[in-house]
Structures are given as structure tokens and as C-alpha cells.
Amino acid sequence: MAAEDQFRQSMAGVLASSPVDTAGAAMLQAHHRDLGDVDHVNVEEYGLTTQKIFRNASVPVLYEQALQREKGSYMTSTGALITRSGAKTGRSPKDKRIVEEPSTKEDVWWGPVNIKLDEASFLINRERAIDYLNTRDQLYVFDGYAGWDPVYRIKIRVVCERAYHALFMHDMLIRPTREELADFGEPDYIIYNAGAFPANRFTKGMTSSTSVAIHLGRREMVILGTLY
């Protein structure tokens, strides 16, 4: 059975056994359609040139994309998505870095947990991530909020190549309404997730082919070498 047929058949079974009324389900489906599954978002300013972007895609679309395109992805009888994260099956705390830069260096408790990284190494990794993402035929963008209170919440944009990463952020962050997404504007922070591509171990400050680094001054995070 083709992956998309398996997906539709399984989802039909889940919906058939669900107590949700049909009117509510129809409203939910309409909401997903309204948000758009292939929506325009300007990523060229970040150096990204990939033309096909799935922005805030609905859960069914992300499931279908994962089952069709990502080897090792399956759906359970309860409707959960199972996927593989490659060689990394857990976090890499020793590979996390924070860029030491003037605006925040006095506010970070430096040590074995908050490890320093120089700006040049961060920019090398950023360039590496952008170059890799530009080789992909399509990307996923998720725009969401960190923090519930509109006064204090920050806008996060995640750019990734795997549907399951977009699905994870769909659950992790607060999803904007249709109106909020239309007026989202520029994010406060952006995450470049190029986890399928390794960091160069000879770049200063790297301890492995995995790197998870944040630059608080630039308000950017770069992920290399881990799909977990």
C-alpha cells in the first residue's frame, strides 16, 4: 500500500472512531485550508532560494509529507507519527554553544553548560546551513509564538527540511490564528534547522559534527548534524 493511501485509510479510521461531531471536524478542516499548505513567505532575505515553501502547513499535510518523503516514517493504529532521527537519538548537550558577543556577554553564566562560541564560527555554521537548505527542493517554515501573553511573547520562525520537525514546532510553539499569521511580519528569532548536514569538526569551537548554536545578538539559532 502506498504511503499516502495508508495515511488516508488510517486517518479515516481515527476520524470514524472519534467522538468529535462532523460539524466541528468540518470547521477544523476549513481552518487548516484557510491557513494554507503552500503559503508565501519571504525567505530570500536570509539567503534562502528554495521556491517551494510549506508555511504553517496543517497536520494532515505534514503527516502526508513525512510518509511520502521521509524514510522510516510510519503511522500507528492510534494515529501517532513514528519517525527516525538518524544517528542522534537524544540531545547533544556538549555540542550546544552560545555566541559571546557584546550585547549579552555579561548576562550569560559561562561555564560547562553555557559554552562560548566566537562569532566567526557561528557565521561559518550559518553559511553552511543556508547552503545546505538551498539544495533542498522544498522547505517547511513554521511561524509561532513563545509565550502566551501578547505583551511578552516573542515571534519565532523555524526553517527546516523535514516535515516532522515542522510538526514538532507546531506542537511546541503557540500557533497563530489566521489573522495573526497574516500580520506576523518579521520574527524576533529565527531557527535554521539543517540537521541532516554536519558541522565541520575543524571549525573553531566544534567538538563533533553536531552543533546547536544561538547568537542572541543576531537573534538566530543554527542546528547542524542532528535530526533529533
Protein backbone atom coordinates (compact mmCIF):
# COMPACT_ATOMS: atom_id res chain seq x y z
CA MET A 1 0.00 0.00 0.00
CA ALA A 2 1.35 3.44 -0.95
CA ALA A 3 2.25 5.71 1.94
CA GLU A 4 -0.44 8.26 1.08
CA ASP A 5 -3.10 5.55 0.86
CA GLN A 6 -2.00 4.16 4.23
CA PHE A 7 -2.23 7.65 5.68
CA ARG A 8 -5.71 8.35 4.35
CA GLN A 9 -7.03 4.94 5.36
CA SER A 10 -5.61 5.26 8.87
CA MET A 11 -6.91 8.78 9.32
CA ALA A 12 -10.33 7.70 8.13
CA GLY A 13 -10.35 5.03 10.85
CA VAL A 14 -9.27 7.50 13.50
CA LEU A 15 -11.91 10.04 12.50
CA ALA A 16 -14.60 7.38 12.27
CA SER A 17 -13.96 6.31 15.86
CA SER A 18 -13.64 9.87 17.17
CA PRO A 19 -16.43 11.43 19.24
CA VAL A 20 -15.86 14.80 17.56
CA ASP A 21 -19.02 15.90 15.73
CA THR A 22 -18.90 16.26 11.96
CA ALA A 23 -19.61 19.99 12.08
CA GLY A 24 -16.63 20.53 14.36
CA ALA A 25 -14.41 18.39 12.13
CA ALA A 26 -15.53 20.36 9.08
CA MET A 27 -14.70 23.64 10.82
CA LEU A 28 -11.26 22.29 11.76
CA GLN A 29 -10.57 21.21 8.18
CA ALA A 30 -11.70 24.59 6.88
CA HIS A 31 -9.37 26.31 9.36
CA HIS A 32 -6.43 24.24 8.07
CA ARG A 33 -7.29 25.09 4.48
CA ASP A 34 -7.57 28.78 5.30
CA LEU A 35 -4.11 28.81 6.85
CA GLY A 36 -2.76 27.42 3.61
CA ASP A 37 -0.48 24.47 2.95
CA VAL A 38 1.81 26.15 0.43
CA ASP A 39 1.84 29.77 1.52
CA HIS A 40 4.04 32.66 0.53
CA VAL A 41 6.69 33.79 2.94
CA ASN A 42 9.77 35.81 2.07
CA VAL A 43 12.91 33.85 2.93
CA GLU A 44 15.21 35.40 0.34
CA GLU A 45 16.41 38.00 2.84
CA TYR A 46 18.00 35.13 4.79
CA GLY A 47 19.87 33.93 1.71
CA LEU A 48 17.44 31.10 1.02
CA THR A 49 16.49 30.49 -2.60
CA THR A 50 14.25 27.40 -2.39
CA GLN A 51 11.00 28.26 -4.14
CA LYS A 52 8.55 25.74 -2.67
CA ILE A 53 7.81 26.63 0.95
CA PHE A 54 5.18 24.99 3.15
CA ARG A 55 4.30 27.65 5.71
CA ASN A 56 2.39 26.59 8.83
CA ALA A 57 1.13 23.53 7.00
CA SER A 58 -1.77 21.62 8.53
CA VAL A 59 -1.17 18.41 10.48
CA PRO A 60 -2.62 16.16 7.72
CA VAL A 61 -0.30 17.73 5.15
CA LEU A 62 2.74 17.29 7.40
CA TYR A 63 1.80 13.65 8.05
CA GLU A 64 1.43 13.02 4.34
CA GLN A 65 4.71 14.74 3.55
CA ALA A 66 6.54 12.70 6.20
CA LEU A 67 5.06 9.40 4.99
CA GLN A 68 5.78 10.16 1.35
CA ARG A 69 9.23 11.72 1.60
CA GLU A 70 10.93 10.69 4.85
CA LYS A 71 12.27 7.16 5.01
CA GLY A 72 11.44 5.34 8.24
CA SER A 73 8.22 7.27 8.89
CA TYR A 74 5.08 5.33 9.81
CA MET A 75 1.74 5.94 11.46
CA THR A 76 0.50 3.87 14.39
CA SER A 77 -3.00 2.45 14.78
CA THR A 78 -3.79 5.34 17.16
CA GLY A 79 -2.79 7.98 14.61
CA ALA A 80 0.63 8.93 16.00
CA LEU A 81 3.51 9.59 13.62
CA ILE A 82 6.62 7.46 14.13
CA THR A 83 9.86 8.63 12.55
CA ARG A 84 13.60 8.14 12.76
CA SER A 85 16.08 10.79 13.80
CA GLY A 86 19.15 9.10 12.35
CA ALA A 87 22.34 8.52 14.32
CA LYS A 88 21.37 11.01 17.03
CA THR A 89 18.63 9.54 19.20
CA GLY A 90 18.99 12.03 22.05
CA ARG A 91 20.17 15.51 22.85
CA SER A 92 23.78 16.61 22.49
CA PRO A 93 24.40 18.89 25.49
CA LYS A 94 28.15 19.04 24.90
CA ASP A 95 27.56 20.40 21.40
CA LYS A 96 25.44 23.39 22.46
CA ARG A 97 27.03 26.82 22.13
CA ILE A 98 26.18 30.46 22.84
CA VAL A 99 27.95 33.15 20.88
CA GLU A 100 29.98 35.51 23.03
CA GLU A 101 29.01 38.95 21.76
CA PRO A 102 28.98 42.44 23.29
CA SER A 103 25.27 42.93 23.94
CA THR A 104 24.81 39.80 26.08
CA LYS A 105 28.21 38.51 27.20
CA GLU A 106 27.82 39.97 30.70
CA ASP A 107 24.39 38.37 31.13
CA VAL A 108 25.33 34.73 30.40
CA TRP A 109 26.60 32.40 33.12
CA TRP A 110 29.51 30.95 31.17
CA GLY A 111 30.80 27.50 32.04
CA PRO A 112 30.46 23.82 31.16
CA VAL A 113 26.75 24.23 30.30
CA ASN A 114 26.77 27.64 28.56
CA ILE A 115 29.84 27.17 26.36
CA LYS A 116 31.26 30.12 24.44
CA LEU A 117 31.46 30.25 20.65
CA ASP A 118 33.03 33.04 18.66
CA GLU A 119 31.00 34.91 16.07
CA ALA A 120 33.14 33.83 13.13
CA SER A 121 32.46 30.15 13.85
CA PHE A 122 28.74 30.84 14.18
CA LEU A 123 28.68 32.60 10.81
CA ILE A 124 30.53 29.69 9.21
CA ASN A 125 27.89 27.31 10.55
CA ARG A 126 25.10 29.63 9.47
CA GLU A 127 26.51 29.78 5.95
CA ARG A 128 26.85 26.01 5.94
CA ALA A 129 23.20 25.61 6.99
CA ILE A 130 21.93 28.10 4.39
CA ASP A 131 23.94 26.44 1.62
CA TYR A 132 22.56 23.04 2.54
CA LEU A 133 18.93 24.22 2.80
CA ASN A 134 19.30 25.79 -0.65
CA THR A 135 19.95 22.32 -2.10
CA ARG A 136 16.51 21.09 -0.98
CA ASP A 137 13.61 21.12 -3.44
CA GLN A 138 11.19 22.26 -0.73
CA LEU A 139 11.29 23.57 2.83
CA TYR A 140 8.95 23.99 5.76
CA VAL A 141 8.50 27.22 7.66
CA PHE A 142 6.65 27.45 10.95
CA ASP A 143 5.82 30.82 12.46
CA GLY A 144 4.66 30.73 16.06
CA TYR A 145 4.84 32.39 19.46
CA ALA A 146 6.93 31.58 22.50
CA GLY A 147 4.95 32.80 25.49
CA TRP A 148 1.20 33.20 25.82
CA ASP A 149 0.87 36.82 26.94
CA PRO A 150 0.83 39.09 23.84
CA VAL A 151 2.76 41.73 25.80
CA TYR A 152 5.73 39.45 26.43
CA ARG A 153 5.62 36.73 23.81
CA ILE A 154 8.20 36.60 21.07
CA LYS A 155 7.75 35.62 17.44
CA ILE A 156 9.74 32.57 16.32
CA ARG A 157 10.33 31.44 12.74
CA VAL A 158 11.64 27.94 12.13
CA VAL A 159 13.04 26.91 8.74
CA CYS A 160 13.57 23.17 8.27
CA GLU A 161 13.68 20.47 5.64
CA ARG A 162 11.75 17.71 7.42
CA ALA A 163 8.00 17.63 7.89
CA TYR A 164 8.28 16.03 11.31
CA HIS A 165 10.37 18.95 12.57
CA ALA A 166 7.68 21.35 11.40
CA LEU A 167 5.09 19.16 13.14
CA PHE A 168 7.15 19.22 16.34
CA MET A 169 7.25 23.02 16.31
CA HIS A 170 3.52 23.07 15.53
CA ASP A 171 3.08 21.42 18.94
CA MET A 172 5.92 23.19 20.75
CA LEU A 173 5.02 26.81 19.99
CA ILE A 174 1.74 28.69 20.26
CA ARG A 175 0.05 28.56 16.88
CA PRO A 176 -1.09 31.91 15.49
CA THR A 177 -4.67 32.45 14.36
CA ARG A 178 -5.33 33.10 10.70
CA GLU A 179 -5.35 36.85 11.34
CA GLU A 180 -2.18 36.70 13.45
CA LEU A 181 -0.37 34.72 10.76
CA ALA A 182 -1.36 37.25 8.10
CA ASP A 183 0.09 40.05 10.25
CA PHE A 184 3.03 38.06 11.63
CA GLY A 185 5.66 40.26 10.00
CA GLU A 186 9.32 39.75 10.80
CA PRO A 187 10.20 37.23 13.52
CA ASP A 188 12.04 38.13 16.71
CA TYR A 189 14.12 34.94 16.40
CA ILE A 190 14.79 32.57 13.53
CA ILE A 191 15.98 28.97 13.73
CA TYR A 192 17.79 27.39 10.77
CA ASN A 193 17.43 23.64 11.15
CA ALA A 194 19.83 21.95 8.74
CA GLY A 195 20.29 18.93 10.99
CA ALA A 196 20.86 16.45 8.18
CA PHE A 197 24.08 18.27 7.27
CA PRO A 198 27.09 18.01 9.60
CA ALA A 199 29.15 20.76 11.11
CA ASN A 200 32.78 20.84 10.07
CA ARG A 201 34.68 19.34 13.02
CA PHE A 202 37.66 21.54 12.18
CA THR A 203 35.69 24.76 12.64
CA LYS A 204 36.93 26.50 15.78
CA GLY A 205 34.80 25.59 18.79
CA MET A 206 33.34 22.37 17.36
CA THR A 207 33.71 19.14 19.33
CA SER A 208 31.85 16.90 16.88
CA SER A 209 29.86 17.03 13.65
CA THR A 210 26.88 18.27 15.70
CA SER A 211 26.34 21.91 16.56
CA VAL A 212 23.38 23.69 18.16
CA ALA A 213 24.33 27.34 18.49
CA ILE A 214 22.46 30.53 19.32
CA HIS A 215 23.52 34.11 18.63
CA LEU A 216 21.49 36.31 20.98
CA GLY A 217 22.67 39.49 19.30
CA ARG A 218 21.59 38.36 15.83
CA ARG A 219 18.60 36.50 17.32
CA GLU A 220 19.41 33.41 15.31
CA MET A 221 19.94 29.73 16.03
CA VAL A 222 21.66 27.22 13.76
CA ILE A 223 21.32 23.44 14.00
CA LEU A 224 23.74 21.12 12.21
CA GLY A 225 24.47 17.42 12.49
CA THR A 226 21.42 16.23 14.43
CA LEU A 227 17.86 15.37 13.43
CA TYR A 228 16.74 14.65 16.99
